[in-house]
Amino acid sequence: MYLNEQRKMKVVAEAHDGHELIKRTESTCPHLVLLDWDLIDRATPVLINAIYALDQEIIIVIISSKSDNQKAALDAGADAFVKLGDPPDYLMDTISRLIPQNKLTQ
């Protein structure tokens, strides 16, 4: 909901499991994927590899309730890690740092 309120951002899809995530990523070609580290139907590192197989330029930001997952997420290839509960501005700063401004408005 917070992302939809941002002027320069548009949520193009949401997925409830890994299979749906891959299908929607393939059909919508997003610039950014916010991925919950705790998706249960597939190992998240496998999902990261599958997303990059679709498009190497997609930015993947992992979100998790446990800061202990940060190293594993980054080791798995994620571009950034945000802990659930971090201020929304931290998420936006992370996204702005990773995605050029001209892509945010496309």
PDB file of N, CA and C in Angstrom:
ATOM      1  N   MET A   1       0.828  -1.187   0.000  1.00  0.00           N
ATOM      2  CA  MET A   1       0.000   0.000   0.000  1.00  0.00           C
ATOM      3  C   MET A   1       0.879   1.261   0.000  1.00  0.00           C
ATOM      4  N   TYR A   2       1.927   1.247   0.792  1.00  0.00           N
ATOM      5  CA  TYR A   2       2.814   2.410   0.874  1.00  0.00           C
ATOM      6  C   TYR A   2       3.419   2.726  -0.501  1.00  0.00           C
ATOM      7  N   LEU A   3       3.837   1.703  -1.227  1.00  0.00           N
ATOM      8  CA  LEU A   3       4.441   1.938  -2.536  1.00  0.00           C
ATOM      9  C   LEU A   3       3.448   2.531  -3.520  1.00  0.00           C
ATOM     10  N   ASN A   4       2.203   2.113  -3.459  1.00  0.00           N
ATOM     11  CA  ASN A   4       1.180   2.668  -4.348  1.00  0.00           C
ATOM     12  C   ASN A   4       0.941   4.143  -4.102  1.00  0.00           C
ATOM     13  N   GLU A   5       1.256   4.613  -2.916  1.00  0.00           N
ATOM     14  CA  GLU A   5       1.062   6.028  -2.585  1.00  0.00           C
ATOM     15  C   GLU A   5       2.196   6.914  -3.089  1.00  0.00           C
ATOM     16  N   GLN A   6       3.279   6.309  -3.543  1.00  0.00           N
ATOM     17  CA  GLN A   6       4.419   7.080  -4.023  1.00  0.00           C
ATOM     18  C   GLN A   6       4.168   7.532  -5.452  1.00  0.00           C
ATOM     19  N   ARG A   7       4.437   8.795  -5.719  1.00  0.00           N
ATOM     20  CA  ARG A   7       4.167   9.348  -7.048  1.00  0.00           C
ATOM     21  C   ARG A   7       4.975   8.692  -8.145  1.00  0.00           C
ATOM     22  N   LYS A   8       6.204   8.342  -7.876  1.00  0.00           N
ATOM     23  CA  LYS A   8       7.080   7.826  -8.917  1.00  0.00           C
ATOM     24  C   LYS A   8       7.068   6.304  -9.002  1.00  0.00           C
ATOM     25  N   MET A   9       6.161   5.664  -8.290  1.00  0.00           N
ATOM     26  CA  MET A   9       6.137   4.208  -8.283  1.00  0.00           C
ATOM     27  C   MET A   9       4.755   3.692  -8.638  1.00  0.00           C
ATOM     28  N   LYS A  10       4.770   2.500  -9.218  1.00  0.00           N
ATOM     29  CA  LYS A  10       3.516   1.846  -9.547  1.00  0.00           C
ATOM     30  C   LYS A  10       3.692   0.354  -9.284  1.00  0.00           C
ATOM     31  N   VAL A  11       2.861  -0.189  -8.449  1.00  0.00           N
ATOM     32  CA  VAL A  11       2.874  -1.630  -8.216  1.00  0.00           C
ATOM     33  C   VAL A  11       2.163  -2.273  -9.395  1.00  0.00           C
ATOM     34  N   VAL A  12       2.874  -3.158 -10.093  1.00  0.00           N
ATOM     35  CA  VAL A  12       2.287  -3.766 -11.287  1.00  0.00           C
ATOM     36  C   VAL A  12       1.715  -5.150 -11.017  1.00  0.00           C
ATOM     37  N   ALA A  13       2.125  -5.772  -9.913  1.00  0.00           N
ATOM     38  CA  ALA A  13       1.599  -7.105  -9.593  1.00  0.00           C
ATOM     39  C   ALA A  13       1.986  -7.482  -8.166  1.00  0.00           C
ATOM     40  N   GLU A  14       1.219  -8.400  -7.624  1.00  0.00           N
ATOM     41  CA  GLU A  14       1.536  -9.014  -6.340  1.00  0.00           C
ATOM     42  C   GLU A  14       1.415 -10.513  -6.524  1.00  0.00           C
ATOM     43  N   ALA A  15       2.209 -11.248  -5.766  1.00  0.00           N
ATOM     44  CA  ALA A  15       2.174 -12.707  -5.855  1.00  0.00           C
ATOM     45  C   ALA A  15       2.099 -13.289  -4.448  1.00  0.00           C
ATOM     46  N   HIS A  16       1.410 -14.409  -4.350  1.00  0.00           N
ATOM     47  CA  HIS A  16       1.222 -15.035  -3.044  1.00  0.00           C
ATOM     48  C   HIS A  16       2.115 -16.249  -2.837  1.00  0.00           C
ATOM     49  N   ASP A  17       2.785 -16.681  -3.893  1.00  0.00           N
ATOM     50  CA  ASP A  17       3.717 -17.803  -3.760  1.00  0.00           C
ATOM     51  C   ASP A  17       4.759 -17.689  -4.866  1.00  0.00           C
ATOM     52  N   GLY A  18       5.742 -18.556  -4.800  1.00  0.00           N
ATOM     53  CA  GLY A  18       6.846 -18.490  -5.749  1.00  0.00           C
ATOM     54  C   GLY A  18       6.448 -18.729  -7.183  1.00  0.00           C
ATOM     55  N   HIS A  19       5.569 -19.675  -7.415  1.00  0.00           N
ATOM     56  CA  HIS A  19       5.118 -19.973  -8.777  1.00  0.00           C
ATOM     57  C   HIS A  19       4.435 -18.747  -9.398  1.00  0.00           C
ATOM     58  N   GLU A  20       3.566 -18.135  -8.627  1.00  0.00           N
ATOM     59  CA  GLU A  20       2.866 -16.935  -9.108  1.00  0.00           C
ATOM     60  C   GLU A  20       3.851 -15.785  -9.316  1.00  0.00           C
ATOM     61  N   LEU A  21       4.835 -15.684  -8.445  1.00  0.00           N
ATOM     62  CA  LEU A  21       5.849 -14.635  -8.580  1.00  0.00           C
ATOM     63  C   LEU A  21       6.577 -14.735  -9.918  1.00  0.00           C
ATOM     64  N   ILE A  22       6.984 -15.933 -10.273  1.00  0.00           N
ATOM     65  CA  ILE A  22       7.698 -16.109 -11.538  1.00  0.00           C
ATOM     66  C   ILE A  22       6.789 -15.767 -12.719  1.00  0.00           C
ATOM     67  N   LYS A  23       5.552 -16.238 -12.705  1.00  0.00           N
ATOM     68  CA  LYS A  23       4.616 -15.938 -13.791  1.00  0.00           C
ATOM     69  C   LYS A  23       4.388 -14.440 -13.914  1.00  0.00           C
ATOM     70  N   ARG A  24       4.171 -13.766 -12.799  1.00  0.00           N
ATOM     71  CA  ARG A  24       3.882 -12.320 -12.860  1.00  0.00           C
ATOM     72  C   ARG A  24       5.114 -11.507 -13.230  1.00  0.00           C
ATOM     73  N   THR A  25       6.272 -11.939 -12.775  1.00  0.00           N
ATOM     74  CA  THR A  25       7.504 -11.242 -13.152  1.00  0.00           C
ATOM     75  C   THR A  25       7.721 -11.364 -14.654  1.00  0.00           C
ATOM     76  N   GLU A  26       7.465 -12.526 -15.180  1.00  0.00           N
ATOM     77  CA  GLU A  26       7.627 -12.749 -16.614  1.00  0.00           C
ATOM     78  C   GLU A  26       6.640 -11.906 -17.423  1.00  0.00           C
ATOM     79  N   SER A  27       5.410 -11.775 -16.940  1.00  0.00           N
ATOM     80  CA  SER A  27       4.390 -11.062 -17.718  1.00  0.00           C
ATOM     81  C   SER A  27       4.429  -9.543 -17.544  1.00  0.00           C
ATOM     82  N   THR A  28       4.951  -9.048 -16.432  1.00  0.00           N
ATOM     83  CA  THR A  28       4.923  -7.600 -16.200  1.00  0.00           C
ATOM     84  C   THR A  28       6.268  -6.902 -16.399  1.00  0.00           C
ATOM     85  N   CYS A  29       7.368  -7.655 -16.424  1.00  0.00           N
ATOM     86  CA  CYS A  29       8.710  -7.087 -16.619  1.00  0.00           C
ATOM     87  C   CYS A  29       8.984  -5.901 -15.691  1.00  0.00           C
ATOM     88  N   PRO A  30       8.910  -6.102 -14.388  1.00  0.00           N
ATOM     89  CA  PRO A  30       9.115  -4.989 -13.460  1.00  0.00           C
ATOM     90  C   PRO A  30      10.584  -4.583 -13.368  1.00  0.00           C
ATOM     91  N   HIS A  31      10.810  -3.362 -12.888  1.00  0.00           N
ATOM     92  CA  HIS A  31      12.172  -2.906 -12.605  1.00  0.00           C
ATOM     93  C   HIS A  31      12.651  -3.443 -11.262  1.00  0.00           C
ATOM     94  N   LEU A  32      11.686  -3.716 -10.369  1.00  0.00           N
ATOM     95  CA  LEU A  32      11.994  -4.068  -8.990  1.00  0.00           C
ATOM     96  C   LEU A  32      11.087  -5.188  -8.514  1.00  0.00           C
ATOM     97  N   VAL A  33      11.675  -6.129  -7.770  1.00  0.00           N
ATOM     98  CA  VAL A  33      10.892  -7.163  -7.101  1.00  0.00           C
ATOM     99  C   VAL A  33      11.198  -7.069  -5.615  1.00  0.00           C
ATOM    100  N   LEU A  34      10.147  -6.870  -4.819  1.00  0.00           N
ATOM    101  CA  LEU A  34      10.272  -6.961  -3.365  1.00  0.00           C
ATOM    102  C   LEU A  34       9.887  -8.381  -3.002  1.00  0.00           C
ATOM    103  N   LEU A  35      10.797  -9.085  -2.373  1.00  0.00           N
ATOM    104  CA  LEU A  35      10.603 -10.508  -2.143  1.00  0.00           C
ATOM    105  C   LEU A  35      10.693 -10.823  -0.662  1.00  0.00           C
ATOM    106  N   ASP A  36       9.657 -11.447  -0.154  1.00  0.00           N
ATOM    107  CA  ASP A  36       9.632 -11.885   1.240  1.00  0.00           C
ATOM    108  C   ASP A  36      10.525 -13.112   1.358  1.00  0.00           C
ATOM    109  N   TRP A  37      11.561 -13.016   2.173  1.00  0.00           N
ATOM    110  CA  TRP A  37      12.521 -14.104   2.340  1.00  0.00           C
ATOM    111  C   TRP A  37      11.842 -15.380   2.824  1.00  0.00           C
ATOM    112  N   ASP A  38      10.715 -15.254   3.470  1.00  0.00           N
ATOM    113  CA  ASP A  38      10.081 -16.392   4.110  1.00  0.00           C
ATOM    114  C   ASP A  38       8.994 -17.062   3.268  1.00  0.00           C
ATOM    115  N   LEU A  39       8.983 -16.824   1.949  1.00  0.00           N
ATOM    116  CA  LEU A  39       8.034 -17.550   1.099  1.00  0.00           C
ATOM    117  C   LEU A  39       8.265 -19.047   1.303  1.00  0.00           C
ATOM    118  N   ILE A  40       7.187 -19.778   1.487  1.00  0.00           N
ATOM    119  CA  ILE A  40       7.364 -21.163   1.920  1.00  0.00           C
ATOM    120  C   ILE A  40       7.321 -22.212   0.825  1.00  0.00           C
ATOM    121  N   ASP A  41       6.839 -21.887  -0.356  1.00  0.00           N
ATOM    122  CA  ASP A  41       6.691 -22.947  -1.342  1.00  0.00           C
ATOM    123  C   ASP A  41       7.954 -23.217  -2.148  1.00  0.00           C
ATOM    124  N   ARG A  42       8.899 -22.324  -2.127  1.00  0.00           N
ATOM    125  CA  ARG A  42      10.184 -22.497  -2.812  1.00  0.00           C
ATOM    126  C   ARG A  42      11.256 -21.848  -1.954  1.00  0.00           C
ATOM    127  N   ALA A  43      12.435 -22.363  -2.021  1.00  0.00           N
ATOM    128  CA  ALA A  43      13.549 -21.715  -1.340  1.00  0.00           C
ATOM    129  C   ALA A  43      13.786 -20.362  -2.005  1.00  0.00           C
ATOM    130  N   THR A  44      13.907 -19.334  -1.213  1.00  0.00           N
ATOM    131  CA  THR A  44      14.072 -17.988  -1.759  1.00  0.00           C
ATOM    132  C   THR A  44      15.295 -17.864  -2.668  1.00  0.00           C
ATOM    133  N   PRO A  45      16.444 -18.469  -2.341  1.00  0.00           N
ATOM    134  CA  PRO A  45      17.563 -18.377  -3.289  1.00  0.00           C
ATOM    135  C   PRO A  45      17.231 -18.945  -4.674  1.00  0.00           C
ATOM    136  N   VAL A  46      16.411 -19.962  -4.727  1.00  0.00           N
ATOM    137  CA  VAL A  46      15.987 -20.516  -6.009  1.00  0.00           C
ATOM    138  C   VAL A  46      15.129 -19.494  -6.756  1.00  0.00           C
ATOM    139  N   LEU A  47      14.261 -18.806  -6.040  1.00  0.00           N
ATOM    140  CA  LEU A  47      13.431 -17.765  -6.663  1.00  0.00           C
ATOM    141  C   LEU A  47      14.296 -16.629  -7.200  1.00  0.00           C
ATOM    142  N   ILE A  48      15.296 -16.235  -6.438  1.00  0.00           N
ATOM    143  CA  ILE A  48      16.189 -15.165  -6.897  1.00  0.00           C
ATOM    144  C   ILE A  48      16.833 -15.569  -8.223  1.00  0.00           C
ATOM    145  N   ASN A  49      17.340 -16.778  -8.306  1.00  0.00           N
ATOM    146  CA  ASN A  49      17.956 -17.254  -9.552  1.00  0.00           C
ATOM    147  C   ASN A  49      16.951 -17.296 -10.689  1.00  0.00           C
ATOM    148  N   ALA A  50      15.731 -17.711 -10.405  1.00  0.00           N
ATOM    149  CA  ALA A  50      14.697 -17.784 -11.437  1.00  0.00           C
ATOM    150  C   ALA A  50      14.325 -16.386 -11.944  1.00  0.00           C
ATOM    151  N   ILE A  51      14.270 -15.430 -11.054  1.00  0.00           N
ATOM    152  CA  ILE A  51      13.967 -14.047 -11.456  1.00  0.00           C
ATOM    153  C   ILE A  51      15.077 -13.506 -12.339  1.00  0.00           C
ATOM    154  N   TYR A  52      16.324 -13.705 -11.930  1.00  0.00           N
ATOM    155  CA  TYR A  52      17.443 -13.225 -12.739  1.00  0.00           C
ATOM    156  C   TYR A  52      17.534 -13.950 -14.079  1.00  0.00           C
ATOM    157  N   ALA A  53      17.052 -15.178 -14.157  1.00  0.00           N
ATOM    158  CA  ALA A  53      17.028 -15.894 -15.432  1.00  0.00           C
ATOM    159  C   ALA A  53      16.066 -15.215 -16.411  1.00  0.00           C
ATOM    160  N   LEU A  54      15.033 -14.571 -15.869  1.00  0.00           N
ATOM    161  CA  LEU A  54      14.085 -13.840 -16.720  1.00  0.00           C
ATOM    162  C   LEU A  54      14.671 -12.518 -17.187  1.00  0.00           C
ATOM    163  N   ASP A  55      15.374 -11.831 -16.294  1.00  0.00           N
ATOM    164  CA  ASP A  55      15.926 -10.516 -16.619  1.00  0.00           C
ATOM    165  C   ASP A  55      17.031 -10.188 -15.622  1.00  0.00           C
ATOM    166  N   GLN A  56      18.253 -10.121 -16.097  1.00  0.00           N
ATOM    167  CA  GLN A  56      19.412  -9.860 -15.234  1.00  0.00           C
ATOM    168  C   GLN A  56      19.397  -8.448 -14.633  1.00  0.00           C
ATOM    169  N   GLU A  57      18.607  -7.545 -15.192  1.00  0.00           N
ATOM    170  CA  GLU A  57      18.611  -6.164 -14.707  1.00  0.00           C
ATOM    171  C   GLU A  57      17.549  -5.878 -13.650  1.00  0.00           C
ATOM    172  N   ILE A  58      16.705  -6.840 -13.345  1.00  0.00           N
ATOM    173  CA  ILE A  58      15.711  -6.637 -12.293  1.00  0.00           C
ATOM    174  C   ILE A  58      16.428  -6.437 -10.967  1.00  0.00           C
ATOM    175  N   ILE A  59      15.951  -5.480 -10.205  1.00  0.00           N
ATOM    176  CA  ILE A  59      16.482  -5.231  -8.864  1.00  0.00           C
ATOM    177  C   ILE A  59      15.650  -6.061  -7.892  1.00  0.00           C
ATOM    178  N   ILE A  60      16.331  -6.817  -7.031  1.00  0.00           N
ATOM    179  CA  ILE A  60      15.634  -7.629  -6.041  1.00  0.00           C
ATOM    180  C   ILE A  60      15.984  -7.124  -4.651  1.00  0.00           C
ATOM    181  N   VAL A  61      14.946  -6.719  -3.931  1.00  0.00           N
ATOM    182  CA  VAL A  61      15.092  -6.301  -2.541  1.00  0.00           C
ATOM    183  C   VAL A  61      14.373  -7.337  -1.680  1.00  0.00           C
ATOM    184  N   ILE A  62      15.105  -7.921  -0.767  1.00  0.00           N
ATOM    185  CA  ILE A  62      14.545  -8.906   0.145  1.00  0.00           C
ATOM    186  C   ILE A  62      14.008  -8.195   1.365  1.00  0.00           C
ATOM    187  N   ILE A  63      12.826  -8.623   1.795  1.00  0.00           N
ATOM    188  CA  ILE A  63      12.229  -8.130   3.030  1.00  0.00           C
ATOM    189  C   ILE A  63      12.057  -9.327   3.956  1.00  0.00           C
ATOM    190  N   SER A  64      12.430  -9.155   5.205  1.00  0.00           N
ATOM    191  CA  SER A  64      12.283 -10.244   6.176  1.00  0.00           C
ATOM    192  C   SER A  64      12.060  -9.660   7.561  1.00  0.00           C
ATOM    193  N   SER A  65      11.370 -10.419   8.377  1.00  0.00           N
ATOM    194  CA  SER A  65      11.149  -9.998   9.755  1.00  0.00           C
ATOM    195  C   SER A  65      12.377 -10.271  10.626  1.00  0.00           C
ATOM    196  N   LYS A  66      13.310 -11.042  10.107  1.00  0.00           N
ATOM    197  CA  LYS A  66      14.488 -11.421  10.883  1.00  0.00           C
ATOM    198  C   LYS A  66      15.751 -10.841  10.255  1.00  0.00           C
ATOM    199  N   SER A  67      16.440  -9.982  10.984  1.00  0.00           N
ATOM    200  CA  SER A  67      17.670  -9.392  10.460  1.00  0.00           C
ATOM    201  C   SER A  67      18.751 -10.446  10.259  1.00  0.00           C
ATOM    202  N   ASP A  68      18.607 -11.611  10.895  1.00  0.00           N
ATOM    203  CA  ASP A  68      19.561 -12.705  10.708  1.00  0.00           C
ATOM    204  C   ASP A  68      19.588 -13.196   9.261  1.00  0.00           C
ATOM    205  N   ASN A  69      18.565 -12.919   8.497  1.00  0.00           N
ATOM    206  CA  ASN A  69      18.487 -13.379   7.111  1.00  0.00           C
ATOM    207  C   ASN A  69      19.249 -12.486   6.128  1.00  0.00           C
ATOM    208  N   GLN A  70      19.757 -11.358   6.600  1.00  0.00           N
ATOM    209  CA  GLN A  70      20.392 -10.407   5.694  1.00  0.00           C
ATOM    210  C   GLN A  70      21.580 -11.015   4.946  1.00  0.00           C
ATOM    211  N   LYS A  71      22.497 -11.634   5.642  1.00  0.00           N
ATOM    212  CA  LYS A  71      23.684 -12.190   4.987  1.00  0.00           C
ATOM    213  C   LYS A  71      23.291 -13.251   3.969  1.00  0.00           C
ATOM    214  N   ALA A  72      22.388 -14.147   4.334  1.00  0.00           N
ATOM    215  CA  ALA A  72      21.956 -15.199   3.415  1.00  0.00           C
ATOM    216  C   ALA A  72      21.289 -14.605   2.181  1.00  0.00           C
ATOM    217  N   ALA A  73      20.479 -13.560   2.374  1.00  0.00           N
ATOM    218  CA  ALA A  73      19.791 -12.920   1.245  1.00  0.00           C
ATOM    219  C   ALA A  73      20.788 -12.283   0.282  1.00  0.00           C
ATOM    220  N   LEU A  74      21.747 -11.569   0.817  1.00  0.00           N
ATOM    221  CA  LEU A  74      22.742 -10.927  -0.041  1.00  0.00           C
ATOM    222  C   LEU A  74      23.655 -11.960  -0.691  1.00  0.00           C
ATOM    223  N   ASP A  75      24.008 -13.007   0.046  1.00  0.00           N
ATOM    224  CA  ASP A  75      24.818 -14.089  -0.525  1.00  0.00           C
ATOM    225  C   ASP A  75      24.071 -14.805  -1.646  1.00  0.00           C
ATOM    226  N   ALA A  76      22.743 -14.847  -1.558  1.00  0.00           N
ATOM    227  CA  ALA A  76      21.926 -15.503  -2.585  1.00  0.00           C
ATOM    228  C   ALA A  76      21.783 -14.648  -3.843  1.00  0.00           C
ATOM    229  N   GLY A  77      22.231 -13.395  -3.779  1.00  0.00           N
ATOM    230  CA  GLY A  77      22.206 -12.548  -4.970  1.00  0.00           C
ATOM    231  C   GLY A  77      21.270 -11.361  -4.917  1.00  0.00           C
ATOM    232  N   ALA A  78      20.567 -11.175  -3.810  1.00  0.00           N
ATOM    233  CA  ALA A  78      19.686 -10.006  -3.704  1.00  0.00           C
ATOM    234  C   ALA A  78      20.517  -8.731  -3.755  1.00  0.00           C
ATOM    235  N   ASP A  79      19.916  -7.671  -4.258  1.00  0.00           N
ATOM    236  CA  ASP A  79      20.605  -6.385  -4.345  1.00  0.00           C
ATOM    237  C   ASP A  79      20.594  -5.627  -3.028  1.00  0.00           C
ATOM    238  N   ALA A  80      19.585  -5.895  -2.203  1.00  0.00           N
ATOM    239  CA  ALA A  80      19.484  -5.194  -0.924  1.00  0.00           C
ATOM    240  C   ALA A  80      18.583  -5.987   0.015  1.00  0.00           C
ATOM    241  N   PHE A  81      18.639  -5.616   1.272  1.00  0.00           N
ATOM    242  CA  PHE A  81      17.846  -6.258   2.318  1.00  0.00           C
ATOM    243  C   PHE A  81      17.216  -5.172   3.178  1.00  0.00           C
ATOM    244  N   VAL A  82      15.932  -5.329   3.453  1.00  0.00           N
ATOM    245  CA  VAL A  82      15.216  -4.406   4.333  1.00  0.00           C
ATOM    246  C   VAL A  82      14.478  -5.248   5.365  1.00  0.00           C
ATOM    247  N   LYS A  83      14.632  -4.878   6.604  1.00  0.00           N
ATOM    248  CA  LYS A  83      13.953  -5.612   7.671  1.00  0.00           C
ATOM    249  C   LYS A  83      12.525  -5.081   7.812  1.00  0.00           C
ATOM    250  N   LEU A  84      11.586  -6.017   7.903  1.00  0.00           N
ATOM    251  CA  LEU A  84      10.213  -5.622   8.180  1.00  0.00           C
ATOM    252  C   LEU A  84      10.220  -4.825   9.469  1.00  0.00           C
ATOM    253  N   GLY A  85       9.586  -3.718   9.488  1.00  0.00           N
ATOM    254  CA  GLY A  85       9.597  -2.864  10.668  1.00  0.00           C
ATOM    255  C   GLY A  85      10.539  -1.678  10.526  1.00  0.00           C
ATOM    256  N   ASP A  86      11.442  -1.726   9.521  1.00  0.00           N
ATOM    257  CA  ASP A  86      12.254  -0.544   9.243  1.00  0.00           C
ATOM    258  C   ASP A  86      11.308   0.563   8.783  1.00  0.00           C
ATOM    259  N   PRO A  87      11.661   1.814   9.019  1.00  0.00           N
ATOM    260  CA  PRO A  87      10.796   2.910   8.565  1.00  0.00           C
ATOM    261  C   PRO A  87      10.583   2.863   7.048  1.00  0.00           C
ATOM    262  N   PRO A  88       9.383   3.211   6.587  1.00  0.00           N
ATOM    263  CA  PRO A  88       9.118   3.215   5.140  1.00  0.00           C
ATOM    264  C   PRO A  88      10.124   4.052   4.348  1.00  0.00           C
ATOM    265  N   ASP A  89      10.612   5.127   4.942  1.00  0.00           N
ATOM    266  CA  ASP A  89      11.605   5.960   4.256  1.00  0.00           C
ATOM    267  C   ASP A  89      12.886   5.186   3.961  1.00  0.00           C
ATOM    268  N   TYR A  90      13.229   4.236   4.825  1.00  0.00           N
ATOM    269  CA  TYR A  90      14.420   3.417   4.590  1.00  0.00           C
ATOM    270  C   TYR A  90      14.229   2.558   3.345  1.00  0.00           C
ATOM    271  N   LEU A  91      13.054   1.977   3.202  1.00  0.00           N
ATOM    272  CA  LEU A  91      12.754   1.207   2.001  1.00  0.00           C
ATOM    273  C   LEU A  91      12.845   2.092   0.762  1.00  0.00           C
ATOM    274  N   MET A  92      12.250   3.271   0.809  1.00  0.00           N
ATOM    275  CA  MET A  92      12.271   4.174  -0.339  1.00  0.00           C
ATOM    276  C   MET A  92      13.689   4.630  -0.662  1.00  0.00           C
ATOM    277  N   ASP A  93      14.485   4.917   0.352  1.00  0.00           N
ATOM    278  CA  ASP A  93      15.884   5.301   0.131  1.00  0.00           C
ATOM    279  C   ASP A  93      16.652   4.163  -0.532  1.00  0.00           C
ATOM    280  N   THR A  94      16.390   2.943  -0.075  1.00  0.00           N
ATOM    281  CA  THR A  94      17.054   1.773  -0.659  1.00  0.00           C
ATOM    282  C   THR A  94      16.677   1.634  -2.129  1.00  0.00           C
ATOM    283  N   ILE A  95      15.406   1.743  -2.431  1.00  0.00           N
ATOM    284  CA  ILE A  95      14.943   1.636  -3.811  1.00  0.00           C
ATOM    285  C   ILE A  95      15.535   2.761  -4.671  1.00  0.00           C
ATOM    286  N   SER A  96      15.516   3.970  -4.174  1.00  0.00           N
ATOM    287  CA  SER A  96      16.053   5.116  -4.927  1.00  0.00           C
ATOM    288  C   SER A  96      17.539   4.962  -5.198  1.00  0.00           C
ATOM    289  N   ARG A  97      18.237   4.357  -4.268  1.00  0.00           N
ATOM    290  CA  ARG A  97      19.672   4.142  -4.438  1.00  0.00           C
ATOM    291  C   ARG A  97      19.944   3.106  -5.535  1.00  0.00           C
ATOM    292  N   LEU A  98      19.056   2.154  -5.707  1.00  0.00           N
ATOM    293  CA  LEU A  98      19.274   1.048  -6.635  1.00  0.00           C
ATOM    294  C   LEU A  98      18.715   1.276  -8.032  1.00  0.00           C
ATOM    295  N   ILE A  99      17.677   2.084  -8.134  1.00  0.00           N
ATOM    296  CA  ILE A  99      17.013   2.277  -9.423  1.00  0.00           C
ATOM    297  C   ILE A  99      17.206   3.723  -9.871  1.00  0.00           C
ATOM    298  N   PRO A 100      17.750   3.913 -11.067  1.00  0.00           N
ATOM    299  CA  PRO A 100      17.896   5.277 -11.575  1.00  0.00           C
ATOM    300  C   PRO A 100      16.556   5.993 -11.632  1.00  0.00           C
ATOM    301  N   GLN A 101      16.555   7.278 -11.367  1.00  0.00           N
ATOM    302  CA  GLN A 101      15.325   8.068 -11.325  1.00  0.00           C
ATOM    303  C   GLN A 101      14.524   7.982 -12.613  1.00  0.00           C
ATOM    304  N   ASN A 102      15.177   7.903 -13.752  1.00  0.00           N
ATOM    305  CA  ASN A 102      14.429   7.832 -15.016  1.00  0.00           C
ATOM    306  C   ASN A 102      13.642   6.535 -15.138  1.00  0.00           C
ATOM    307  N   LYS A 103      14.077   5.458 -14.497  1.00  0.00           N
ATOM    308  CA  LYS A 103      13.313   4.209 -14.526  1.00  0.00           C
ATOM    309  C   LYS A 103      12.143   4.241 -13.551  1.00  0.00           C
ATOM    310  N   LEU A 104      12.255   5.020 -12.484  1.00  0.00           N
ATOM    311  CA  LEU A 104      11.152   5.113 -11.529  1.00  0.00           C
ATOM    312  C   LEU A 104       9.924   5.759 -12.151  1.00  0.00           C
ATOM    313  N   THR A 105      10.114   6.585 -13.132  1.00  0.00           N
ATOM    314  CA  THR A 105       8.972   7.291 -13.735  1.00  0.00           C
ATOM    315  C   THR A 105       8.456   6.608 -14.991  1.00  0.00           C
ATOM    316  N   GLN A 106       9.071   5.519 -15.417  1.00  0.00           N
ATOM    317  CA  GLN A 106       8.604   4.815 -16.621  1.00  0.00           C
ATOM    318  C   GLN A 106       7.410   3.958 -16.316  1.00  0.00           C
TER     319      GLN A 106
END
